PDB file of N, CA and C in Angstrom:
ATOM      1  N   MET A   1     -18.835  18.616   4.617  1.00  0.00           N
ATOM      2  CA  MET A   1     -17.597  18.859   5.113  1.00  0.00           C
ATOM      3  C   MET A   1     -17.279  17.274   5.118  1.00  0.00           C
ATOM      4  N   LYS A   2     -15.932  17.096   4.319  1.00  0.00           N
ATOM      5  CA  LYS A   2     -15.122  16.098   3.754  1.00  0.00           C
ATOM      6  C   LYS A   2     -14.840  15.199   4.877  1.00  0.00           C
ATOM      7  N   LYS A   3     -15.096  14.042   5.322  1.00  0.00           N
ATOM      8  CA  LYS A   3     -14.785  13.061   5.844  1.00  0.00           C
ATOM      9  C   LYS A   3     -13.395  12.735   5.868  1.00  0.00           C
ATOM     10  N   GLN A   4     -12.073  12.441   6.709  1.00  0.00           N
ATOM     11  CA  GLN A   4     -11.183  11.849   6.723  1.00  0.00           C
ATOM     12  C   GLN A   4     -11.186  10.498   7.168  1.00  0.00           C
ATOM     13  N   SER A   5     -10.542   9.623   6.743  1.00  0.00           N
ATOM     14  CA  SER A   5     -10.652   8.219   7.194  1.00  0.00           C
ATOM     15  C   SER A   5      -9.316   7.942   7.570  1.00  0.00           C
ATOM     16  N   THR A   6      -8.960   6.985   8.690  1.00  0.00           N
ATOM     17  CA  THR A   6      -7.794   6.925   8.783  1.00  0.00           C
ATOM     18  C   THR A   6      -6.890   5.690   8.221  1.00  0.00           C
ATOM     19  N   PRO A   7      -5.263   5.702   8.129  1.00  0.00           N
ATOM     20  CA  PRO A   7      -4.748   4.915   7.179  1.00  0.00           C
ATOM     21  C   PRO A   7      -4.798   3.512   7.259  1.00  0.00           C
ATOM     22  N   GLY A   8      -5.133   3.493   8.989  1.00  0.00           N
ATOM     23  CA  GLY A   8      -5.556   2.065   9.080  1.00  0.00           C
ATOM     24  C   GLY A   8      -7.061   1.093   8.592  1.00  0.00           C
ATOM     25  N   LEU A   9      -7.991   1.910   8.192  1.00  0.00           N
ATOM     26  CA  LEU A   9      -8.974   2.196   8.226  1.00  0.00           C
ATOM     27  C   LEU A   9      -9.200   1.243   6.277  1.00  0.00           C
ATOM     28  N   TRP A  10      -8.514   2.652   5.685  1.00  0.00           N
ATOM     29  CA  TRP A  10      -8.093   2.107   4.486  1.00  0.00           C
ATOM     30  C   TRP A  10      -7.433   0.907   4.135  1.00  0.00           C
ATOM     31  N   LEU A  11      -6.337   0.372   4.480  1.00  0.00           N
ATOM     32  CA  LEU A  11      -6.285  -0.531   4.510  1.00  0.00           C
ATOM     33  C   LEU A  11      -6.745  -1.995   5.073  1.00  0.00           C
ATOM     34  N   ASP A  12      -7.622  -1.808   6.255  1.00  0.00           N
ATOM     35  CA  ASP A  12      -8.705  -3.213   6.305  1.00  0.00           C
ATOM     36  C   ASP A  12      -9.245  -2.998   5.385  1.00  0.00           C
ATOM     37  N   ARG A  13      -9.706  -2.032   4.926  1.00  0.00           N
ATOM     38  CA  ARG A  13     -10.842  -2.364   3.874  1.00  0.00           C
ATOM     39  C   ARG A  13     -10.491  -2.803   2.559  1.00  0.00           C
ATOM     40  N   THR A  14      -9.087  -2.399   2.183  1.00  0.00           N
ATOM     41  CA  THR A  14      -8.366  -2.782   0.890  1.00  0.00           C
ATOM     42  C   THR A  14      -7.847  -4.598   1.250  1.00  0.00           C
ATOM     43  N   LEU A  15      -7.956  -4.972   2.464  1.00  0.00           N
ATOM     44  CA  LEU A  15      -7.692  -6.062   2.823  1.00  0.00           C
ATOM     45  C   LEU A  15      -8.716  -7.344   2.516  1.00  0.00           C
ATOM     46  N   CYS A  16      -9.731  -6.486   3.128  1.00  0.00           N
ATOM     47  CA  CYS A  16     -11.501  -7.313   3.180  1.00  0.00           C
ATOM     48  C   CYS A  16     -11.852  -7.411   1.449  1.00  0.00           C
ATOM     49  N   ALA A  17     -11.448  -6.081   1.055  1.00  0.00           N
ATOM     50  CA  ALA A  17     -11.729  -6.341  -0.549  1.00  0.00           C
ATOM     51  C   ALA A  17     -10.804  -7.275  -1.329  1.00  0.00           C
ATOM     52  N   LEU A  18      -9.574  -7.405  -0.910  1.00  0.00           N
ATOM     53  CA  LEU A  18      -8.803  -8.569  -1.683  1.00  0.00           C
ATOM     54  C   LEU A  18      -9.292 -10.045  -1.092  1.00  0.00           C
ATOM     55  N   LEU A  19      -9.328 -10.049   0.174  1.00  0.00           N
ATOM     56  CA  LEU A  19     -10.151 -11.172   0.421  1.00  0.00           C
ATOM     57  C   LEU A  19     -11.050 -11.701  -0.186  1.00  0.00           C
ATOM     58  N   ALA A  20     -12.382 -10.630  -0.343  1.00  0.00           N
ATOM     59  CA  ALA A  20     -13.555 -11.484  -1.198  1.00  0.00           C
ATOM     60  C   ALA A  20     -13.289 -11.760  -2.876  1.00  0.00           C
ATOM     61  N   LEU A  21     -12.185 -10.483  -2.975  1.00  0.00           N
ATOM     62  CA  LEU A  21     -11.794 -11.007  -4.603  1.00  0.00           C
ATOM     63  C   LEU A  21     -11.366 -12.570  -4.810  1.00  0.00           C
ATOM     64  N   LEU A  22     -10.393 -12.748  -3.576  1.00  0.00           N
ATOM     65  CA  LEU A  22      -9.507 -14.345  -3.857  1.00  0.00           C
ATOM     66  C   LEU A  22      -9.868 -15.394  -3.604  1.00  0.00           C
ATOM     67  N   SER A  23     -11.175 -14.915  -2.857  1.00  0.00           N
ATOM     68  CA  SER A  23     -12.499 -16.174  -2.266  1.00  0.00           C
ATOM     69  C   SER A  23     -13.322 -16.102  -3.813  1.00  0.00           C
ATOM     70  N   ALA A  24     -13.878 -15.563  -4.053  1.00  0.00           N
ATOM     71  CA  ALA A  24     -14.577 -15.641  -5.120  1.00  0.00           C
ATOM     72  C   ALA A  24     -13.704 -16.033  -6.291  1.00  0.00           C
ATOM     73  N   LEU A  25     -12.668 -15.911  -6.306  1.00  0.00           N
ATOM     74  CA  LEU A  25     -11.563 -16.576  -7.438  1.00  0.00           C
ATOM     75  C   LEU A  25     -11.461 -18.275  -7.096  1.00  0.00           C
ATOM     76  N   GLY A  26     -10.996 -18.260  -5.961  1.00  0.00           N
ATOM     77  CA  GLY A  26     -10.929 -19.508  -4.992  1.00  0.00           C
ATOM     78  C   GLY A  26     -12.391 -20.552  -5.237  1.00  0.00           C
ATOM     79  N   LEU A  27     -13.247 -19.760  -5.294  1.00  0.00           N
ATOM     80  CA  LEU A  27     -14.368 -20.727  -5.136  1.00  0.00           C
ATOM     81  C   LEU A  27     -15.203 -21.043  -6.620  1.00  0.00           C
ATOM     82  N   PHE A  28     -14.499 -20.058  -7.826  1.00  0.00           N
ATOM     83  CA  PHE A  28     -14.796 -19.886  -8.678  1.00  0.00           C
ATOM     84  C   PHE A  28     -13.575 -21.780  -9.282  1.00  0.00           C
ATOM     85  N   TYR A  29     -12.389 -21.587  -9.044  1.00  0.00           N
ATOM     86  CA  TYR A  29     -11.570 -22.773  -9.521  1.00  0.00           C
ATOM     87  C   TYR A  29     -12.187 -24.048  -8.879  1.00  0.00           C
ATOM     88  N   GLY A  30     -12.828 -23.654  -7.743  1.00  0.00           N
ATOM     89  CA  GLY A  30     -12.982 -25.455  -6.867  1.00  0.00           C
ATOM     90  C   GLY A  30     -14.059 -25.874  -7.303  1.00  0.00           C
ATOM     91  N   ILE A  31     -14.735 -24.807  -8.158  1.00  0.00           N
ATOM     92  CA  ILE A  31     -16.187 -25.741  -8.828  1.00  0.00           C
ATOM     93  C   ILE A  31     -15.901 -26.222  -9.933  1.00  0.00           C
ATOM     94  N   ARG A  32     -14.986 -25.130 -10.273  1.00  0.00           N
ATOM     95  CA  ARG A  32     -14.575 -26.068 -11.928  1.00  0.00           C
ATOM     96  C   ARG A  32     -13.503 -26.988 -12.234  1.00  0.00           C
ATOM     97  N   LEU A  33     -12.710 -27.501 -10.889  1.00  0.00           N
ATOM     98  CA  LEU A  33     -12.212 -28.417 -11.360  1.00  0.00           C
ATOM     99  C   LEU A  33     -12.663 -29.788  -9.885  1.00  0.00           C
ATOM    100  N   CYS A  34     -13.648 -28.935  -9.169  1.00  0.00           N
ATOM    101  CA  CYS A  34     -14.494 -30.282  -8.422  1.00  0.00           C
ATOM    102  C   CYS A  34     -13.817 -30.401  -7.372  1.00  0.00           C
ATOM    103  N   ASP A  35     -12.952 -29.380  -6.946  1.00  0.00           N
ATOM    104  CA  ASP A  35     -12.139 -29.522  -5.911  1.00  0.00           C
ATOM    105  C   ASP A  35     -13.113 -29.611  -4.425  1.00  0.00           C
ATOM    106  N   TYR A  36     -13.874 -30.218  -3.761  1.00  0.00           N
ATOM    107  CA  TYR A  36     -14.799 -29.201  -2.775  1.00  0.00           C
ATOM    108  C   TYR A  36     -14.125 -28.866  -1.601  1.00  0.00           C
ATOM    109  N   GLY A  37     -12.908 -29.357  -1.059  1.00  0.00           N
ATOM    110  CA  GLY A  37     -12.466 -28.288  -0.153  1.00  0.00           C
ATOM    111  C   GLY A  37     -12.206 -27.143  -0.781  1.00  0.00           C
ATOM    112  N   LEU A  38     -11.599 -26.799  -1.859  1.00  0.00           N
ATOM    113  CA  LEU A  38     -11.082 -25.831  -1.925  1.00  0.00           C
ATOM    114  C   LEU A  38     -12.342 -24.762  -2.591  1.00  0.00           C
ATOM    115  N   GLY A  39     -13.567 -25.153  -2.575  1.00  0.00           N
ATOM    116  CA  GLY A  39     -14.786 -24.517  -2.870  1.00  0.00           C
ATOM    117  C   GLY A  39     -15.123 -24.402  -1.263  1.00  0.00           C
ATOM    118  N   GLY A  40     -15.118 -25.395  -0.354  1.00  0.00           N
ATOM    119  CA  GLY A  40     -15.739 -25.023   0.459  1.00  0.00           C
ATOM    120  C   GLY A  40     -15.063 -23.952   1.419  1.00  0.00           C
ATOM    121  N   LEU A  41     -13.616 -23.678   1.366  1.00  0.00           N
ATOM    122  CA  LEU A  41     -12.688 -22.911   1.799  1.00  0.00           C
ATOM    123  C   LEU A  41     -13.015 -21.604   1.578  1.00  0.00           C
ATOM    124  N   ALA A  42     -12.897 -21.545   0.177  1.00  0.00           N
ATOM    125  CA  ALA A  42     -13.058 -20.268  -0.537  1.00  0.00           C
ATOM    126  C   ALA A  42     -14.579 -19.779  -0.145  1.00  0.00           C
ATOM    127  N   ALA A  43     -15.536 -20.829   0.470  1.00  0.00           N
ATOM    128  CA  ALA A  43     -16.929 -19.901   0.501  1.00  0.00           C
ATOM    129  C   ALA A  43     -16.831 -19.337   1.911  1.00  0.00           C
ATOM    130  N   ALA A  44     -16.118 -19.984   3.047  1.00  0.00           N
ATOM    131  CA  ALA A  44     -15.940 -19.530   4.039  1.00  0.00           C
ATOM    132  C   ALA A  44     -15.230 -18.071   3.574  1.00  0.00           C
ATOM    133  N   GLY A  45     -14.458 -17.581   3.203  1.00  0.00           N
ATOM    134  CA  GLY A  45     -13.290 -16.842   3.103  1.00  0.00           C
ATOM    135  C   GLY A  45     -14.282 -15.967   2.462  1.00  0.00           C
ATOM    136  N   LEU A  46     -15.095 -16.536   1.768  1.00  0.00           N
ATOM    137  CA  LEU A  46     -16.305 -15.635   1.128  1.00  0.00           C
ATOM    138  C   LEU A  46     -17.661 -14.873   1.855  1.00  0.00           C
ATOM    139  N   ALA A  47     -17.724 -15.658   2.663  1.00  0.00           N
ATOM    140  CA  ALA A  47     -18.667 -15.457   4.217  1.00  0.00           C
ATOM    141  C   ALA A  47     -18.218 -14.451   4.862  1.00  0.00           C
ATOM    142  N   ALA A  48     -16.708 -14.937   5.550  1.00  0.00           N
ATOM    143  CA  ALA A  48     -15.726 -14.265   6.117  1.00  0.00           C
ATOM    144  C   ALA A  48     -15.636 -12.485   6.003  1.00  0.00           C
ATOM    145  N   ALA A  49     -15.550 -12.324   4.054  1.00  0.00           N
ATOM    146  CA  ALA A  49     -15.475 -11.171   3.892  1.00  0.00           C
ATOM    147  C   ALA A  49     -16.777 -10.459   3.616  1.00  0.00           C
ATOM    148  N   GLY A  50     -17.750 -11.077   3.880  1.00  0.00           N
ATOM    149  CA  GLY A  50     -18.705 -10.410   3.497  1.00  0.00           C
ATOM    150  C   GLY A  50     -19.152 -10.146   5.379  1.00  0.00           C
ATOM    151  N   CYS A  51     -19.286 -10.651   5.938  1.00  0.00           N
ATOM    152  CA  CYS A  51     -19.327 -10.408   7.277  1.00  0.00           C
ATOM    153  C   CYS A  51     -18.498  -8.867   8.121  1.00  0.00           C
ATOM    154  N   VAL A  52     -17.401  -9.316   7.557  1.00  0.00           N
ATOM    155  CA  VAL A  52     -16.237  -8.058   8.121  1.00  0.00           C
ATOM    156  C   VAL A  52     -16.453  -6.780   7.432  1.00  0.00           C
ATOM    157  N   GLY A  53     -16.672  -7.112   5.911  1.00  0.00           N
ATOM    158  CA  GLY A  53     -16.835  -6.263   5.273  1.00  0.00           C
ATOM    159  C   GLY A  53     -18.583  -5.109   5.590  1.00  0.00           C
ATOM    160  N   THR A  54     -19.564  -5.721   6.324  1.00  0.00           N
ATOM    161  CA  THR A  54     -20.606  -4.818   6.608  1.00  0.00           C
ATOM    162  C   THR A  54     -20.296  -3.856   8.090  1.00  0.00           C
ATOM    163  N   ALA A  55     -18.995  -4.212   8.466  1.00  0.00           N
ATOM    164  CA  ALA A  55     -18.300  -3.418  10.012  1.00  0.00           C
ATOM    165  C   ALA A  55     -17.672  -2.345   9.229  1.00  0.00           C
ATOM    166  N   LEU A  56     -17.029  -3.279   8.566  1.00  0.00           N
ATOM    167  CA  LEU A  56     -16.025  -1.929   7.592  1.00  0.00           C
ATOM    168  C   LEU A  56     -16.393  -0.553   6.818  1.00  0.00           C
ATOM    169  N   PHE A  57     -17.189  -1.342   5.716  1.00  0.00           N
ATOM    170  CA  PHE A  57     -18.074   0.077   5.368  1.00  0.00           C
ATOM    171  C   PHE A  57     -19.226   0.786   6.201  1.00  0.00           C
ATOM    172  N   ASP A  58     -19.141   0.769   7.233  1.00  0.00           N
ATOM    173  CA  ASP A  58     -20.792   0.938   7.822  1.00  0.00           C
ATOM    174  C   ASP A  58     -19.972   2.186   8.359  1.00  0.00           C
ATOM    175  N   ASP A  59     -20.324   3.329   7.770  1.00  0.00           N
ATOM    176  CA  ASP A  59     -19.920   4.804   8.834  1.00  0.00           C
ATOM    177  C   ASP A  59     -20.864   4.770   9.749  1.00  0.00           C
ATOM    178  N   SER A  60     -21.763   4.417  10.227  1.00  0.00           N
ATOM    179  CA  SER A  60     -22.697   5.002  11.345  1.00  0.00           C
ATOM    180  C   SER A  60     -21.637   4.272  12.294  1.00  0.00           C
ATOM    181  N   ALA A  61     -21.469   2.576  12.071  1.00  0.00           N
ATOM    182  CA  ALA A  61     -21.014   2.412  13.529  1.00  0.00           C
ATOM    183  C   ALA A  61     -19.970   2.801  13.986  1.00  0.00           C
ATOM    184  N   PHE A  62     -19.222   3.756  12.878  1.00  0.00           N
ATOM    185  CA  PHE A  62     -18.198   4.750  13.284  1.00  0.00           C
ATOM    186  C   PHE A  62     -18.244   5.925  13.899  1.00  0.00           C
ATOM    187  N   ARG A  63     -19.471   6.252  13.497  1.00  0.00           N
ATOM    188  CA  ARG A  63     -20.234   7.097  14.652  1.00  0.00           C
ATOM    189  C   ARG A  63     -19.947   7.158  15.906  1.00  0.00           C
ATOM    190  N   ARG A  64     -21.150   5.709  15.418  1.00  0.00           N
ATOM    191  CA  ARG A  64     -21.848   5.200  17.046  1.00  0.00           C
ATOM    192  C   ARG A  64     -20.571   5.614  18.083  1.00  0.00           C
ATOM    193  N   ALA A  65     -19.427   4.786  17.614  1.00  0.00           N
ATOM    194  CA  ALA A  65     -18.319   3.873  18.037  1.00  0.00           C
ATOM    195  C   ALA A  65     -16.989   5.651  18.610  1.00  0.00           C
ATOM    196  N   ARG A  66     -17.435   6.045  17.899  1.00  0.00           N
ATOM    197  CA  ARG A  66     -16.382   7.376  18.114  1.00  0.00           C
ATOM    198  C   ARG A  66     -17.097   8.986  19.442  1.00  0.00           C
ATOM    199  N   ALA A  67     -18.786   8.454  19.258  1.00  0.00           N
ATOM    200  CA  ALA A  67     -19.790   8.993  20.131  1.00  0.00           C
ATOM    201  C   ALA A  67     -19.226   8.287  21.566  1.00  0.00           C
ATOM    202  N   VAL A  68     -19.175   7.031  21.569  1.00  0.00           N
ATOM    203  CA  VAL A  68     -19.072   6.075  22.552  1.00  0.00           C
ATOM    204  C   VAL A  68     -17.908   6.067  23.637  1.00  0.00           C
ATOM    205  N   ARG A  69     -16.924   6.587  22.703  1.00  0.00           N
ATOM    206  CA  ARG A  69     -15.293   6.622  23.250  1.00  0.00           C
ATOM    207  C   ARG A  69     -15.022   8.017  23.635  1.00  0.00           C
ATOM    208  N   GLU A  70     -15.909   8.823  22.776  1.00  0.00           N
ATOM    209  CA  GLU A  70     -15.983  10.430  23.735  1.00  0.00           C
ATOM    210  C   GLU A  70     -16.520  10.372  24.782  1.00  0.00           C
ATOM    211  N   ALA A  71     -18.009   9.964  25.080  1.00  0.00           N
ATOM    212  CA  ALA A  71     -18.835   9.658  26.589  1.00  0.00           C
ATOM    213  C   ALA A  71     -17.862   8.752  27.382  1.00  0.00           C
ATOM    214  N   ILE A  72     -17.194   7.804  26.948  1.00  0.00           N
ATOM    215  CA  ILE A  72     -16.207   7.459  28.043  1.00  0.00           C
ATOM    216  C   ILE A  72     -14.644   8.314  28.652  1.00  0.00           C
ATOM    217  N   ARG A  73     -14.522   9.145  27.468  1.00  0.00           N
ATOM    218  CA  ARG A  73     -13.579   9.899  27.663  1.00  0.00           C
ATOM    219  C   ARG A  73     -13.769  11.087  28.685  1.00  0.00           C
ATOM    220  N   ARG A  74     -14.874  11.359  28.477  1.00  0.00           N
ATOM    221  CA  ARG A  74     -15.942  12.710  29.372  1.00  0.00           C
ATOM    222  C   ARG A  74     -16.039  12.110  30.672  1.00  0.00           C
ATOM    223  N   GLY A  75     -16.466  10.853  30.429  1.00  0.00           N
ATOM    224  CA  GLY A  75     -17.308  10.315  31.896  1.00  0.00           C
ATOM    225  C   GLY A  75     -15.711   9.856  32.874  1.00  0.00           C
ATOM    226  N   SER A  76     -14.419   9.566  32.158  1.00  0.00           N
ATOM    227  CA  SER A  76     -13.490   9.462  33.357  1.00  0.00           C
ATOM    228  C   SER A  76     -12.664  10.685  34.077  1.00  0.00           C
ATOM    229  N   SER A  77     -12.760  11.781  33.238  1.00  0.00           N
ATOM    230  CA  SER A  77     -12.213  12.819  33.681  1.00  0.00           C
ATOM    231  C   SER A  77     -12.476  13.264  34.388  1.00  0.00           C
TER     232      SER A  77
END
């Protein structure tokens, strides 16, 4: 059975990948131009994209969250 992802999830994943790509590009140019502010900002963006990416691309976390929502829904009924 193929799992369907929500459109919002695909948008979040695309934006996370775009952030990682732009941060890597900024880091490259920051090092190349010896602009330490740009390099530091890009490194922080790359770290943030990595942290968010681990949550967005972890399917088992989504299964656990769905199970918790179902348990809460059943408990409140």
